[in-house]
Amino acid sequence: MTDFSAYQQQLLAMERELIERRSRLDQHGRAGVPADFEEQASERENDEVVESLSEQATAELAQVKAALTRIELGSYGTCVRCGEAIAAARLQAVPYATACTSCG
């Protein structure tokens, strides 16, 4: 069995960072509503951007958690489509990758 402890540490660091990022983004939405109409419109636009960033962080966090689960189950580093090993260079670039470069 291949030692994926370095990837596991990288994924755990990513998990912590994504949780912190989501928390900061969630705090953004708790500010009061500005009295000025133009400021309200600008704030709504900002809210849409923040919501999108939060959704992206949530999706990436799910991928990171799934990769950590694959490490625990012993299936990490194996392409879910063809069953071949995922190249180390791909895992270094995208540690939560589920497919090799041929399939993904």
Protein backbone atom coordinates (compact mmCIF):
# COMPACT_ATOMS: atom_id res chain seq x y z
CA MET A 1 0.00 0.00 0.00
CA THR A 2 1.31 3.43 -0.94
CA ASP A 3 1.97 5.97 1.78
CA PHE A 4 -0.36 8.92 1.19
CA SER A 5 0.39 10.67 4.50
CA ALA A 6 1.81 13.76 2.76
CA TYR A 7 -1.37 14.09 0.69
CA GLN A 8 -3.44 13.49 3.81
CA GLN A 9 -1.65 16.35 5.60
CA GLN A 10 -2.16 18.60 2.58
CA LEU A 11 -5.85 17.69 2.44
CA LEU A 12 -6.28 18.32 6.18
CA ALA A 13 -4.69 21.76 5.76
CA MET A 14 -7.00 22.47 2.83
CA GLU A 15 -9.97 21.34 4.90
CA ARG A 16 -9.07 23.75 7.73
CA GLU A 17 -8.55 26.62 5.29
CA LEU A 18 -11.86 25.99 3.51
CA ILE A 19 -13.76 25.81 6.80
CA GLU A 20 -12.20 29.11 7.86
CA ARG A 21 -12.97 30.67 4.47
CA ARG A 22 -16.62 29.61 4.67
CA SER A 23 -16.85 31.02 8.18
CA ARG A 24 -15.47 34.39 7.01
CA LEU A 25 -17.85 34.42 4.07
CA ASP A 26 -20.79 33.58 6.32
CA GLN A 27 -19.86 36.49 8.60
CA HIS A 28 -20.12 38.85 5.64
CA GLY A 29 -23.86 38.27 5.35
CA ARG A 30 -24.50 39.23 8.96
CA ALA A 31 -23.79 42.93 8.52
CA GLY A 32 -26.68 45.39 8.81
CA VAL A 33 -28.55 46.73 5.80
CA PRO A 34 -27.35 50.18 4.67
CA ALA A 35 -29.94 52.96 4.72
CA ASP A 36 -28.90 54.38 1.33
CA PHE A 37 -30.62 52.75 -1.68
CA GLU A 38 -27.48 52.78 -3.84
CA GLU A 39 -25.50 51.17 -1.04
CA GLN A 40 -28.22 48.54 -0.68
CA ALA A 41 -27.97 47.72 -4.40
CA SER A 42 -24.20 47.49 -4.18
CA GLU A 43 -24.47 45.31 -1.07
CA ARG A 44 -26.86 42.93 -2.87
CA GLU A 45 -24.34 42.54 -5.70
CA ASN A 46 -21.60 41.86 -3.15
CA ASP A 47 -23.86 39.33 -1.43
CA GLU A 48 -24.25 37.43 -4.71
CA VAL A 49 -20.48 37.25 -5.14
CA VAL A 50 -19.97 36.17 -1.54
CA GLU A 51 -22.68 33.52 -1.89
CA SER A 52 -21.00 32.16 -5.02
CA LEU A 53 -17.63 32.03 -3.25
CA SER A 54 -19.22 30.25 -0.31
CA GLU A 55 -20.82 27.68 -2.62
CA GLN A 56 -17.46 27.07 -4.31
CA ALA A 57 -15.76 26.61 -0.93
CA THR A 58 -18.50 24.21 0.14
CA ALA A 59 -18.12 22.15 -3.03
CA GLU A 60 -14.33 22.02 -2.71
CA LEU A 61 -14.64 21.10 0.97
CA ALA A 62 -16.87 18.15 0.01
CA GLN A 63 -14.23 16.98 -2.48
CA VAL A 64 -11.48 17.28 0.16
CA LYS A 65 -13.53 15.32 2.70
CA ALA A 66 -14.25 12.63 0.11
CA ALA A 67 -10.52 12.35 -0.63
CA LEU A 68 -9.77 11.98 3.08
CA THR A 69 -12.37 9.21 3.24
CA ARG A 70 -10.75 7.49 0.26
CA ILE A 71 -7.41 7.58 2.09
CA GLU A 72 -9.03 5.92 5.12
CA LEU A 73 -10.70 3.29 2.91
CA GLY A 74 -7.52 2.58 0.95
CA SER A 75 -8.89 3.64 -2.43
CA TYR A 76 -7.11 7.02 -2.64
CA GLY A 77 -4.95 7.49 -5.72
CA THR A 78 -6.96 5.09 -7.85
CA CYS A 79 -9.01 6.37 -10.79
CA VAL A 80 -12.71 5.85 -10.17
CA ARG A 81 -13.31 5.32 -13.89
CA CYS A 82 -10.58 2.94 -15.08
CA GLY A 83 -9.08 1.71 -11.81
CA GLU A 84 -5.54 2.71 -12.75
CA ALA A 85 -3.28 4.69 -10.43
CA ILE A 86 -3.58 8.48 -10.57
CA ALA A 87 -0.18 10.02 -11.34
CA ALA A 88 1.64 11.64 -8.43
CA ALA A 89 1.93 14.88 -10.42
CA ARG A 90 -1.86 15.03 -10.74
CA LEU A 91 -2.36 14.35 -7.03
CA GLN A 92 0.18 17.03 -6.20
CA ALA A 93 -1.70 19.52 -8.36
CA VAL A 94 -5.20 18.40 -7.31
CA PRO A 95 -4.95 16.25 -4.18
CA TYR A 96 -8.67 15.46 -4.26
CA ALA A 97 -8.57 14.22 -7.86
CA THR A 98 -10.77 11.19 -8.48
CA ALA A 99 -9.68 10.36 -12.03
CA CYS A 100 -6.42 9.94 -13.89
CA THR A 101 -5.46 12.36 -16.65
CA SER A 102 -6.71 9.92 -19.34
CA CYS A 103 -10.18 9.68 -17.80
CA GLY A 104 -10.53 13.07 -16.18
